[in-house]
Amino acid sequence: MAEQNLQAFIAAARQDPALQALLSSTAAADADEVVTMARAAGFELSPNDLVSYGGGVLVEYEDEDYFMKPLWWELAG
């Protein structure tokens, strides 16, 4: 179920330029912030969903924090 929710959110991000702009901003730098935005848009995600997807393909790890890669929704395959 978590992967389906993540895939739905990724599809929404790919289709919505306003959402892409929001997700590209510094307000969405880490997994926690992206999850907050996803929940506000009606998607049920957890930071772990983003971190574990594809073995970490969407995030960069630094000092126990997971920062989202630029245009991470395009890396989701």
Protein backbone atom coordinates (compact mmCIF):
# COMPACT_ATOMS: atom_id res chain seq x y z
CA MET A 1 0.00 0.00 0.00
CA ALA A 2 2.80 2.43 0.84
CA GLU A 3 4.41 1.94 -2.56
CA GLN A 4 1.08 2.54 -4.30
CA ASN A 5 0.65 5.79 -2.38
CA LEU A 6 4.19 6.85 -3.27
CA GLN A 7 3.65 5.99 -6.95
CA ALA A 8 0.42 8.01 -6.96
CA PHE A 9 2.23 10.98 -5.42
CA ILE A 10 5.06 10.69 -7.94
CA ALA A 11 2.51 10.61 -10.79
CA ALA A 12 0.83 13.71 -9.37
CA ALA A 13 4.19 15.49 -9.11
CA ARG A 14 5.05 14.66 -12.71
CA GLN A 15 1.77 16.14 -13.94
CA ASP A 16 1.53 19.24 -11.78
CA PRO A 17 4.02 22.06 -12.45
CA ALA A 18 2.92 23.89 -9.28
CA LEU A 19 3.62 20.81 -7.18
CA GLN A 20 6.98 20.39 -8.91
CA ALA A 21 7.87 23.98 -8.07
CA LEU A 22 6.92 23.41 -4.44
CA LEU A 23 8.89 20.16 -4.27
CA SER A 24 11.89 21.86 -5.88
CA SER A 25 11.95 24.63 -3.29
CA THR A 26 14.11 24.71 -0.21
CA ALA A 27 10.93 24.08 1.80
CA ALA A 28 11.04 20.48 0.52
CA ALA A 29 14.70 19.69 1.05
CA ASP A 30 14.33 16.62 3.24
CA ALA A 31 12.09 13.57 3.38
CA ASP A 32 10.11 14.84 6.38
CA GLU A 33 9.20 18.08 4.61
CA VAL A 34 8.17 16.26 1.43
CA VAL A 35 5.94 13.93 3.45
CA THR A 36 4.27 16.94 5.07
CA MET A 37 3.56 18.34 1.60
CA ALA A 38 2.31 14.98 0.34
CA ARG A 39 -0.09 14.66 3.26
CA ALA A 40 -1.37 18.18 2.64
CA ALA A 41 -2.10 17.11 -0.94
CA GLY A 42 -4.04 14.05 0.29
CA PHE A 43 -1.38 11.34 0.01
CA GLU A 44 -0.55 9.09 2.95
CA LEU A 45 3.24 8.69 3.03
CA SER A 46 5.98 8.34 5.60
CA PRO A 47 9.59 9.50 5.36
CA ASN A 48 10.61 5.84 5.28
CA ASP A 49 8.60 5.35 2.07
CA LEU A 50 10.78 7.93 0.33
CA VAL A 51 14.02 6.72 1.89
CA SER A 52 13.51 3.03 1.17
CA TYR A 53 12.17 3.41 -2.37
CA GLY A 54 14.59 1.90 -4.88
CA GLY A 55 17.32 1.43 -2.31
CA GLY A 56 17.51 5.15 -1.59
CA VAL A 57 17.47 6.37 -5.20
CA LEU A 58 15.36 9.43 -4.27
CA VAL A 59 17.48 10.72 -1.39
CA GLU A 60 20.99 11.67 -0.39
CA TYR A 61 22.15 10.72 3.09
CA GLU A 62 24.11 13.16 5.23
CA ASP A 63 24.55 13.27 9.00
CA GLU A 64 21.49 11.11 9.74
CA ASP A 65 19.28 13.27 7.51
CA TYR A 66 17.81 12.30 4.16
CA PHE A 67 17.74 15.16 1.68
CA MET A 68 15.74 14.80 -1.49
CA LYS A 69 17.70 14.73 -4.74
CA PRO A 70 16.85 17.42 -7.30
CA LEU A 71 13.89 16.40 -9.45
CA TRP A 72 13.62 13.18 -7.40
CA TRP A 73 10.20 12.35 -8.91
CA GLU A 74 11.93 11.84 -12.28
CA LEU A 75 14.34 9.33 -10.71
CA ALA A 76 11.50 7.07 -9.59
CA GLY A 77 11.50 5.17 -12.86
